Amino acid sequence: MSDFNSGDVRIHYVDAGSGTPALVYCHGLGDSGERFERDDLDWYAQRFRTVSWDQRGLGRSGPAPRYSLPLYAADLVALLDHLAIERAVIFGVSWGVLVALRFALDAPQRCLALVLDSGSSEVNVAAAENWYLQGELARIGPAALAGGELAPAFAGHRTAQQRGALREVRPEHRDSFVAQARAIAGTREHPLTPYLHMVTCPALVVVGGKDDVAGARGSIVLGRALPNARTEVLPEAGHGVFMTAREPFRALLLEFLAAHRLVASA
């Protein structure tokens, strides 16, 4: 475990394993790399160099004066520079998909491939309202619910009211959490989708058929918009396929990397 300074913030990371390709895990909304490091890192590090990091203002990283999607992506560029990794497979989960996409748009020469799990490049109106409320619940608490019930964004959606009651955000992480929730909501008016034709590296897009947080539609849109994408829907998986369907996901990942000659064939 190590830290480095990415301009205006201290970033915590774990660098494990060796060889190629380097794979960088980008965690979800308001999260950190700790769960991945505890439950999954050993498997990945046995196969290739694996980096897990905590985004600015979250987990074991320090607070920052500013938060935005481009800044999270810039921190990822700085992390690769710090580790002397020229190109990497960027593995984003949920919110981490947006970080990975912004990275691929801003630093395409550094992106060997993308692995995009349970995310999207745009949201509909109901989803935007739900994601914004997630941030407001963290910022001001139950008073955020005074506006009444929100409509679900899709059939089977677990709304922000339902998730908010279960989510506790530590005070030192609140600013980053709110910024991320608002950035997701902002993809309603400012989607990344129109720019994805510029992301030409190979991409594996995976989503669970039982994802009640983000749904499958956003991943389907991603797969159609990215010119070199393979999209896989795992019917029985939930949000975060790498956790909710570990063995099928890992098999898909190795097959994808082998197909693009990034690892040896099994």
C-alpha atoms as a PDB file:
ATOM      1  CA  MET A   1       0.000   0.000   0.000  1.00  0.00           C
ATOM      2  CA  SER A   2       1.303   3.411  -0.977  1.00  0.00           C
ATOM      3  CA  ASP A   3       0.318   7.031  -1.457  1.00  0.00           C
ATOM      4  CA  PHE A   4       1.366   9.692  -3.942  1.00  0.00           C
ATOM      5  CA  ASN A   5       0.449  13.304  -4.605  1.00  0.00           C
ATOM      6  CA  SER A   6      -1.668  13.889  -7.708  1.00  0.00           C
ATOM      7  CA  GLY A   7      -1.367  17.645  -7.934  1.00  0.00           C
ATOM      8  CA  ASP A   8      -3.821  18.867  -5.305  1.00  0.00           C
ATOM      9  CA  VAL A   9      -4.623  15.596  -3.520  1.00  0.00           C
ATOM     10  CA  ARG A  10      -3.039  12.555  -1.897  1.00  0.00           C
ATOM     11  CA  ILE A  11      -4.084   9.327  -3.647  1.00  0.00           C
ATOM     12  CA  HIS A  12      -3.870   5.914  -2.021  1.00  0.00           C
ATOM     13  CA  TYR A  13      -3.214   2.826  -4.154  1.00  0.00           C
ATOM     14  CA  VAL A  14      -2.225  -0.840  -4.034  1.00  0.00           C
ATOM     15  CA  ASP A  15       0.067  -2.268  -6.715  1.00  0.00           C
ATOM     16  CA  ALA A  16       0.169  -6.074  -6.803  1.00  0.00           C
ATOM     17  CA  GLY A  17       1.300  -8.784  -9.186  1.00  0.00           C
ATOM     18  CA  SER A  18       3.570  -8.397 -12.186  1.00  0.00           C
ATOM     19  CA  GLY A  19       3.733  -8.775 -15.921  1.00  0.00           C
ATOM     20  CA  THR A  20       1.417  -7.550 -18.621  1.00  0.00           C
ATOM     21  CA  PRO A  21      -1.084  -6.224 -19.075  1.00  0.00           C
ATOM     22  CA  ALA A  22      -1.438  -3.861 -16.169  1.00  0.00           C
ATOM     23  CA  LEU A  23      -5.078  -3.741 -15.037  1.00  0.00           C
ATOM     24  CA  VAL A  24      -6.373  -0.788 -13.008  1.00  0.00           C
ATOM     25  CA  TYR A  25      -9.554  -1.172 -10.944  1.00  0.00           C
ATOM     26  CA  CYS A  26     -11.797   1.908 -10.662  1.00  0.00           C
ATOM     27  CA  HIS A  27     -14.375   1.585  -7.870  1.00  0.00           C
ATOM     28  CA  GLY A  28     -17.977   2.713  -7.761  1.00  0.00           C
ATOM     29  CA  LEU A  29     -19.860   5.677  -6.289  1.00  0.00           C
ATOM     30  CA  GLY A  30     -18.512   6.813  -2.919  1.00  0.00           C
ATOM     31  CA  ASP A  31     -16.618   3.550  -2.492  1.00  0.00           C
ATOM     32  CA  SER A  32     -12.925   2.600  -2.260  1.00  0.00           C
ATOM     33  CA  GLY A  33     -10.700  -0.216  -3.439  1.00  0.00           C
ATOM     34  CA  GLU A  34     -10.811  -2.012  -0.091  1.00  0.00           C
ATOM     35  CA  ARG A  35     -13.505  -4.592  -0.894  1.00  0.00           C
ATOM     36  CA  PHE A  36     -11.870  -5.453  -4.226  1.00  0.00           C
ATOM     37  CA  GLU A  37      -8.509  -5.788  -2.500  1.00  0.00           C
ATOM     38  CA  ARG A  38      -9.951  -8.061   0.178  1.00  0.00           C
ATOM     39  CA  ASP A  39     -12.095 -10.327  -2.002  1.00  0.00           C
ATOM     40  CA  ASP A  40     -10.671 -10.249  -5.525  1.00  0.00           C
ATOM     41  CA  LEU A  41      -7.163  -8.814  -5.778  1.00  0.00           C
ATOM     42  CA  ASP A  42      -5.337 -12.115  -5.255  1.00  0.00           C
ATOM     43  CA  TRP A  43      -6.995 -13.715  -8.281  1.00  0.00           C
ATOM     44  CA  TYR A  44      -6.151 -10.798 -10.557  1.00  0.00           C
ATOM     45  CA  ALA A  45      -2.605 -10.326  -9.243  1.00  0.00           C
ATOM     46  CA  GLN A  46      -1.813 -13.973  -9.935  1.00  0.00           C
ATOM     47  CA  ARG A  47      -2.473 -13.295 -13.630  1.00  0.00           C
ATOM     48  CA  PHE A  48      -1.266  -9.749 -14.308  1.00  0.00           C
ATOM     49  CA  ARG A  49      -0.118  -6.585 -12.616  1.00  0.00           C
ATOM     50  CA  THR A  50      -3.154  -5.185 -10.820  1.00  0.00           C
ATOM     51  CA  VAL A  51      -3.606  -1.704  -9.385  1.00  0.00           C
ATOM     52  CA  SER A  52      -6.438  -0.643  -7.082  1.00  0.00           C
ATOM     53  CA  TRP A  53      -6.842   2.975  -6.024  1.00  0.00           C
ATOM     54  CA  ASP A  54      -9.109   5.152  -3.909  1.00  0.00           C
ATOM     55  CA  GLN A  55     -10.466   8.154  -5.790  1.00  0.00           C
ATOM     56  CA  ARG A  56      -9.957  11.666  -4.461  1.00  0.00           C
ATOM     57  CA  GLY A  57     -11.833  12.355  -1.250  1.00  0.00           C
ATOM     58  CA  LEU A  58     -12.735   8.702  -0.691  1.00  0.00           C
ATOM     59  CA  GLY A  59     -11.440   5.664   1.153  1.00  0.00           C
ATOM     60  CA  ARG A  60      -7.831   6.095   2.220  1.00  0.00           C
ATOM     61  CA  SER A  61      -7.117   8.989  -0.151  1.00  0.00           C
ATOM     62  CA  GLY A  62      -7.076  12.553   1.088  1.00  0.00           C
ATOM     63  CA  PRO A  63      -9.653  15.339   0.662  1.00  0.00           C
ATOM     64  CA  ALA A  64      -9.382  17.614  -2.329  1.00  0.00           C
ATOM     65  CA  PRO A  65     -10.322  21.254  -2.964  1.00  0.00           C
ATOM     66  CA  ARG A  66     -12.272  20.323  -6.114  1.00  0.00           C
ATOM     67  CA  TYR A  67     -14.166  17.348  -7.526  1.00  0.00           C
ATOM     68  CA  SER A  68     -15.247  16.643 -11.100  1.00  0.00           C
ATOM     69  CA  LEU A  69     -15.254  13.759 -13.554  1.00  0.00           C
ATOM     70  CA  PRO A  70     -12.265  15.182 -15.490  1.00  0.00           C
ATOM     71  CA  LEU A  71     -10.308  15.491 -12.231  1.00  0.00           C
ATOM     72  CA  TYR A  72     -10.971  11.867 -11.240  1.00  0.00           C
ATOM     73  CA  ALA A  73      -9.762  10.822 -14.715  1.00  0.00           C
ATOM     74  CA  ALA A  74      -6.720  13.101 -14.440  1.00  0.00           C
ATOM     75  CA  ASP A  75      -5.829  11.438 -11.142  1.00  0.00           C
ATOM     76  CA  LEU A  76      -5.851   8.107 -12.990  1.00  0.00           C
ATOM     77  CA  VAL A  77      -3.436   9.494 -15.587  1.00  0.00           C
ATOM     78  CA  ALA A  78      -1.201  10.751 -12.761  1.00  0.00           C
ATOM     79  CA  LEU A  79      -1.339   7.337 -11.100  1.00  0.00           C
ATOM     80  CA  LEU A  80      -0.132   5.625 -14.279  1.00  0.00           C
ATOM     81  CA  ASP A  81       2.636   8.206 -14.582  1.00  0.00           C
ATOM     82  CA  HIS A  82       3.661   7.613 -10.980  1.00  0.00           C
ATOM     83  CA  LEU A  83       3.802   3.837 -11.541  1.00  0.00           C
ATOM     84  CA  ALA A  84       5.551   4.174 -14.921  1.00  0.00           C
ATOM     85  CA  ILE A  85       2.715   2.298 -16.642  1.00  0.00           C
ATOM     86  CA  GLU A  86       2.551   3.429 -20.246  1.00  0.00           C
ATOM     87  CA  ARG A  87      -0.727   1.700 -21.151  1.00  0.00           C
ATOM     88  CA  ALA A  88      -3.245  -0.234 -19.073  1.00  0.00           C
ATOM     89  CA  VAL A  89      -6.511  -2.126 -19.132  1.00  0.00           C
ATOM     90  CA  ILE A  90      -8.923   0.128 -17.250  1.00  0.00           C
ATOM     91  CA  PHE A  91     -11.567  -1.791 -15.306  1.00  0.00           C
ATOM     92  CA  GLY A  92     -14.448   0.424 -14.181  1.00  0.00           C
ATOM     93  CA  VAL A  93     -17.426  -0.687 -12.115  1.00  0.00           C
ATOM     94  CA  SER A  94     -20.651   1.373 -11.824  1.00  0.00           C
ATOM     95  CA  TRP A  95     -19.534   5.026 -11.371  1.00  0.00           C
ATOM     96  CA  GLY A  96     -16.050   3.741 -12.228  1.00  0.00           C
ATOM     97  CA  VAL A  97     -17.315   3.187 -15.791  1.00  0.00           C
ATOM     98  CA  LEU A  98     -17.643   6.966 -16.209  1.00  0.00           C
ATOM     99  CA  VAL A  99     -14.125   7.465 -14.844  1.00  0.00           C
ATOM    100  CA  ALA A 100     -12.816   4.859 -17.285  1.00  0.00           C
ATOM    101  CA  LEU A 101     -14.643   6.428 -20.240  1.00  0.00           C
ATOM    102  CA  ARG A 102     -13.456   9.943 -19.381  1.00  0.00           C
ATOM    103  CA  PHE A 103      -9.904   8.575 -19.088  1.00  0.00           C
ATOM    104  CA  ALA A 104     -10.195   6.864 -22.484  1.00  0.00           C
ATOM    105  CA  LEU A 105     -11.435  10.107 -24.073  1.00  0.00           C
ATOM    106  CA  ASP A 106      -8.812  12.317 -22.419  1.00  0.00           C
ATOM    107  CA  ALA A 107      -5.803   9.987 -22.690  1.00  0.00           C
ATOM    108  CA  PRO A 108      -6.567   7.489 -25.474  1.00  0.00           C
ATOM    109  CA  GLN A 109      -2.895   6.653 -25.955  1.00  0.00           C
ATOM    110  CA  ARG A 110      -2.767   5.288 -22.384  1.00  0.00           C
ATOM    111  CA  CYS A 111      -5.772   2.984 -22.720  1.00  0.00           C
ATOM    112  CA  LEU A 112      -4.954  -0.569 -23.809  1.00  0.00           C
ATOM    113  CA  ALA A 113      -8.530  -1.792 -23.325  1.00  0.00           C
ATOM    114  CA  LEU A 114     -11.646  -1.057 -21.285  1.00  0.00           C
ATOM    115  CA  VAL A 115     -13.631  -3.392 -19.047  1.00  0.00           C
ATOM    116  CA  LEU A 116     -16.939  -1.695 -18.202  1.00  0.00           C
ATOM    117  CA  ASP A 117     -19.116  -3.362 -15.571  1.00  0.00           C
ATOM    118  CA  SER A 118     -22.642  -2.146 -14.707  1.00  0.00           C
ATOM    119  CA  GLY A 119     -22.350   1.419 -15.916  1.00  0.00           C
ATOM    120  CA  SER A 120     -23.544   3.856 -18.540  1.00  0.00           C
ATOM    121  CA  SER A 121     -22.612   6.957 -20.495  1.00  0.00           C
ATOM    122  CA  GLU A 122     -26.037   8.600 -20.086  1.00  0.00           C
ATOM    123  CA  VAL A 123     -29.138   8.395 -17.893  1.00  0.00           C
ATOM    124  CA  ASN A 124     -32.828   9.111 -18.356  1.00  0.00           C
ATOM    125  CA  VAL A 125     -34.772  11.786 -16.439  1.00  0.00           C
ATOM    126  CA  ALA A 126     -35.929   9.489 -13.634  1.00  0.00           C
ATOM    127  CA  ALA A 127     -32.438   8.071 -13.157  1.00  0.00           C
ATOM    128  CA  ALA A 128     -30.948  11.574 -13.067  1.00  0.00           C
ATOM    129  CA  GLU A 129     -33.393  12.583 -10.351  1.00  0.00           C
ATOM    130  CA  ASN A 130     -32.582   9.443  -8.382  1.00  0.00           C
ATOM    131  CA  TRP A 131     -28.817   9.910  -8.608  1.00  0.00           C
ATOM    132  CA  TYR A 132     -29.090  13.567  -7.630  1.00  0.00           C
ATOM    133  CA  LEU A 133     -31.176  12.603  -4.611  1.00  0.00           C
ATOM    134  CA  GLN A 134     -28.496  10.093  -3.595  1.00  0.00           C
ATOM    135  CA  GLY A 135     -26.123  13.018  -3.245  1.00  0.00           C
ATOM    136  CA  GLU A 136     -28.647  15.150  -1.404  1.00  0.00           C
ATOM    137  CA  LEU A 137     -29.353  12.366   1.088  1.00  0.00           C
ATOM    138  CA  ALA A 138     -25.651  12.289   1.859  1.00  0.00           C
ATOM    139  CA  ARG A 139     -25.387  16.075   1.988  1.00  0.00           C
ATOM    140  CA  ILE A 140     -28.429  17.062   4.084  1.00  0.00           C
ATOM    141  CA  GLY A 141     -29.899  13.775   5.271  1.00  0.00           C
ATOM    142  CA  PRO A 142     -33.611  12.791   5.433  1.00  0.00           C
ATOM    143  CA  ALA A 143     -34.710  16.355   4.680  1.00  0.00           C
ATOM    144  CA  ALA A 144     -33.836  15.576   1.063  1.00  0.00           C
ATOM    145  CA  LEU A 145     -36.908  13.328   0.919  1.00  0.00           C
ATOM    146  CA  ALA A 146     -39.297  16.218   1.576  1.00  0.00           C
ATOM    147  CA  GLY A 147     -40.030  16.578  -2.127  1.00  0.00           C
ATOM    148  CA  GLY A 148     -41.917  13.286  -2.206  1.00  0.00           C
ATOM    149  CA  GLU A 149     -41.455   9.943  -3.887  1.00  0.00           C
ATOM    150  CA  LEU A 150     -39.345   9.558  -6.996  1.00  0.00           C
ATOM    151  CA  ALA A 151     -40.404   7.394  -9.893  1.00  0.00           C
ATOM    152  CA  PRO A 152     -38.227   4.347 -10.648  1.00  0.00           C
ATOM    153  CA  ALA A 153     -35.931   4.739 -13.633  1.00  0.00           C
ATOM    154  CA  PHE A 154     -36.810   1.301 -15.035  1.00  0.00           C
ATOM    155  CA  ALA A 155     -38.837  -1.763 -14.131  1.00  0.00           C
ATOM    156  CA  GLY A 156     -37.449  -3.281 -10.929  1.00  0.00           C
ATOM    157  CA  HIS A 157     -35.327  -0.233 -10.097  1.00  0.00           C
ATOM    158  CA  ARG A 158     -34.379   0.198  -6.431  1.00  0.00           C
ATOM    159  CA  THR A 159     -34.841   3.946  -6.071  1.00  0.00           C
ATOM    160  CA  ALA A 160     -32.698   6.482  -4.248  1.00  0.00           C
ATOM    161  CA  GLN A 161     -35.127   6.501  -1.311  1.00  0.00           C
ATOM    162  CA  GLN A 162     -34.705   2.759  -0.895  1.00  0.00           C
ATOM    163  CA  ARG A 163     -30.922   2.862  -1.284  1.00  0.00           C
ATOM    164  CA  GLY A 164     -30.425   6.042   0.711  1.00  0.00           C
ATOM    165  CA  ALA A 165     -31.786   4.495   3.889  1.00  0.00           C
ATOM    166  CA  LEU A 166     -29.068   1.869   3.678  1.00  0.00           C
ATOM    167  CA  ARG A 167     -26.127   4.072   2.664  1.00  0.00           C
ATOM    168  CA  GLU A 168     -23.990   5.829   5.248  1.00  0.00           C
ATOM    169  CA  VAL A 169     -21.415   8.316   3.975  1.00  0.00           C
ATOM    170  CA  ARG A 170     -18.672   9.399   6.335  1.00  0.00           C
ATOM    171  CA  PRO A 171     -18.350  13.185   6.709  1.00  0.00           C
ATOM    172  CA  GLU A 172     -14.845  13.259   5.232  1.00  0.00           C
ATOM    173  CA  HIS A 173     -16.122  11.465   2.113  1.00  0.00           C
ATOM    174  CA  ARG A 174     -19.294  13.481   1.638  1.00  0.00           C
ATOM    175  CA  ASP A 175     -18.015  16.110  -0.823  1.00  0.00           C
ATOM    176  CA  SER A 176     -16.617  13.500  -3.182  1.00  0.00           C
ATOM    177  CA  PHE A 177     -19.728  11.328  -2.919  1.00  0.00           C
ATOM    178  CA  VAL A 178     -22.009  14.278  -3.715  1.00  0.00           C
ATOM    179  CA  ALA A 179     -19.842  15.295  -6.671  1.00  0.00           C
ATOM    180  CA  GLN A 180     -19.967  11.785  -8.100  1.00  0.00           C
ATOM    181  CA  ALA A 181     -23.733  11.460  -7.657  1.00  0.00           C
ATOM    182  CA  ARG A 182     -24.248  14.822  -9.365  1.00  0.00           C
ATOM    183  CA  ALA A 183     -21.884  13.892 -12.189  1.00  0.00           C
ATOM    184  CA  ILE A 184     -23.905  10.744 -12.897  1.00  0.00           C
ATOM    185  CA  ALA A 185     -27.120  12.774 -12.838  1.00  0.00           C
ATOM    186  CA  GLY A 186     -25.475  15.281 -15.158  1.00  0.00           C
ATOM    187  CA  THR A 187     -25.093  12.705 -17.909  1.00  0.00           C
ATOM    188  CA  ARG A 188     -28.790  13.297 -18.633  1.00  0.00           C
ATOM    189  CA  GLU A 189     -27.994  16.748 -20.023  1.00  0.00           C
ATOM    190  CA  HIS A 190     -24.331  16.103 -20.839  1.00  0.00           C
ATOM    191  CA  PRO A 191     -24.015  12.469 -21.954  1.00  0.00           C
ATOM    192  CA  LEU A 192     -20.696  10.965 -22.961  1.00  0.00           C
ATOM    193  CA  THR A 193     -22.429   8.807 -25.558  1.00  0.00           C
ATOM    194  CA  PRO A 194     -21.954  11.208 -28.519  1.00  0.00           C
ATOM    195  CA  TYR A 195     -18.172  11.070 -28.010  1.00  0.00           C
ATOM    196  CA  LEU A 196     -17.737   7.315 -27.644  1.00  0.00           C
ATOM    197  CA  HIS A 197     -17.056   6.794 -31.355  1.00  0.00           C
ATOM    198  CA  MET A 198     -13.606   8.250 -30.570  1.00  0.00           C
ATOM    199  CA  VAL A 199     -12.799   5.417 -28.134  1.00  0.00           C
ATOM    200  CA  THR A 200     -11.321   2.835 -30.482  1.00  0.00           C
ATOM    201  CA  CYS A 201      -9.561   0.527 -28.030  1.00  0.00           C
ATOM    202  CA  PRO A 202     -11.172  -2.876 -27.356  1.00  0.00           C
ATOM    203  CA  ALA A 203     -13.951  -2.765 -24.762  1.00  0.00           C
ATOM    204  CA  LEU A 204     -15.726  -5.491 -22.826  1.00  0.00           C
ATOM    205  CA  VAL A 205     -19.129  -4.287 -21.595  1.00  0.00           C
ATOM    206  CA  VAL A 206     -20.819  -6.486 -18.993  1.00  0.00           C
ATOM    207  CA  VAL A 207     -24.079  -6.066 -17.099  1.00  0.00           C
ATOM    208  CA  GLY A 208     -26.354  -8.195 -14.962  1.00  0.00           C
ATOM    209  CA  GLY A 209     -29.900  -8.983 -15.950  1.00  0.00           C
ATOM    210  CA  LYS A 210     -30.918  -8.449 -12.313  1.00  0.00           C
ATOM    211  CA  ASP A 211     -29.136  -5.106 -11.868  1.00  0.00           C
ATOM    212  CA  ASP A 212     -31.626  -3.075  -9.797  1.00  0.00           C
ATOM    213  CA  VAL A 213     -29.290  -0.082  -9.379  1.00  0.00           C
ATOM    214  CA  ALA A 214     -28.295   0.961 -12.904  1.00  0.00           C
ATOM    215  CA  GLY A 215     -30.237  -1.458 -15.077  1.00  0.00           C
ATOM    216  CA  ALA A 216     -29.080  -3.037 -18.325  1.00  0.00           C
ATOM    217  CA  ARG A 217     -30.071  -0.342 -20.826  1.00  0.00           C
ATOM    218  CA  GLY A 218     -27.071   1.905 -20.195  1.00  0.00           C
ATOM    219  CA  SER A 219     -24.656  -0.927 -20.869  1.00  0.00           C
ATOM    220  CA  ILE A 220     -26.486  -1.815 -24.077  1.00  0.00           C
ATOM    221  CA  VAL A 221     -26.116   1.827 -25.191  1.00  0.00           C
ATOM    222  CA  LEU A 222     -22.405   1.670 -24.355  1.00  0.00           C
ATOM    223  CA  GLY A 223     -21.914  -1.475 -26.387  1.00  0.00           C
ATOM    224  CA  ARG A 224     -23.599   0.086 -29.409  1.00  0.00           C
ATOM    225  CA  ALA A 225     -21.737   3.402 -29.180  1.00  0.00           C
ATOM    226  CA  LEU A 226     -18.215   2.029 -28.665  1.00  0.00           C
ATOM    227  CA  PRO A 227     -16.830   0.968 -32.066  1.00  0.00           C
ATOM    228  CA  ASN A 228     -14.772  -1.980 -30.805  1.00  0.00           C
ATOM    229  CA  ALA A 229     -16.984  -3.353 -28.032  1.00  0.00           C
ATOM    230  CA  ARG A 230     -18.236  -6.752 -27.001  1.00  0.00           C
ATOM    231  CA  THR A 231     -21.357  -6.657 -24.816  1.00  0.00           C
ATOM    232  CA  GLU A 232     -22.384  -9.492 -22.502  1.00  0.00           C
ATOM    233  CA  VAL A 233     -25.566  -9.596 -20.406  1.00  0.00           C
ATOM    234  CA  LEU A 234     -25.428 -12.172 -17.605  1.00  0.00           C
ATOM    235  CA  PRO A 235     -29.109 -12.846 -16.838  1.00  0.00           C
ATOM    236  CA  GLU A 236     -28.688 -13.944 -13.214  1.00  0.00           C
ATOM    237  CA  ALA A 237     -26.092 -11.353 -12.170  1.00  0.00           C
ATOM    238  CA  GLY A 238     -26.805  -8.177 -10.228  1.00  0.00           C
ATOM    239  CA  HIS A 239     -25.049  -4.824 -10.011  1.00  0.00           C
ATOM    240  CA  GLY A 240     -21.299  -5.313 -10.159  1.00  0.00           C
ATOM    241  CA  VAL A 241     -21.025  -8.472 -12.264  1.00  0.00           C
ATOM    242  CA  PHE A 242     -17.436  -9.056 -11.156  1.00  0.00           C
ATOM    243  CA  MET A 243     -18.838  -9.665  -7.648  1.00  0.00           C
ATOM    244  CA  THR A 244     -22.307 -11.087  -8.326  1.00  0.00           C
ATOM    245  CA  ALA A 245     -21.156 -13.591 -10.979  1.00  0.00           C
ATOM    246  CA  ARG A 246     -17.442 -13.988 -10.263  1.00  0.00           C
ATOM    247  CA  GLU A 247     -16.611 -17.141 -12.183  1.00  0.00           C
ATOM    248  CA  PRO A 248     -18.502 -16.287 -15.404  1.00  0.00           C
ATOM    249  CA  PHE A 249     -17.097 -12.753 -15.310  1.00  0.00           C
ATOM    250  CA  ARG A 250     -13.535 -13.935 -14.858  1.00  0.00           C
ATOM    251  CA  ALA A 251     -13.888 -16.409 -17.715  1.00  0.00           C
ATOM    252  CA  LEU A 252     -15.230 -13.622 -19.963  1.00  0.00           C
ATOM    253  CA  LEU A 253     -12.403 -11.309 -18.950  1.00  0.00           C
ATOM    254  CA  LEU A 254      -9.669 -13.828 -19.765  1.00  0.00           C
ATOM    255  CA  GLU A 255     -11.348 -14.744 -23.049  1.00  0.00           C
ATOM    256  CA  PHE A 256     -11.644 -11.065 -24.006  1.00  0.00           C
ATOM    257  CA  LEU A 257      -8.017 -10.301 -23.165  1.00  0.00           C
ATOM    258  CA  ALA A 258      -6.820 -13.384 -25.030  1.00  0.00           C
ATOM    259  CA  ALA A 259      -8.918 -12.503 -28.097  1.00  0.00           C
ATOM    260  CA  HIS A 260      -7.083  -9.170 -28.277  1.00  0.00           C
ATOM    261  CA  ARG A 261      -3.709 -10.832 -27.586  1.00  0.00           C
ATOM    262  CA  LEU A 262      -3.304  -9.061 -24.284  1.00  0.00           C
ATOM    263  CA  VAL A 263      -2.805 -12.350 -22.434  1.00  0.00           C
ATOM    264  CA  ALA A 264      -1.882 -15.822 -23.620  1.00  0.00           C
ATOM    265  CA  SER A 265      -4.757 -18.048 -24.681  1.00  0.00           C
ATOM    266  CA  ALA A 266      -5.953 -20.478 -22.022  1.00  0.00           C
END
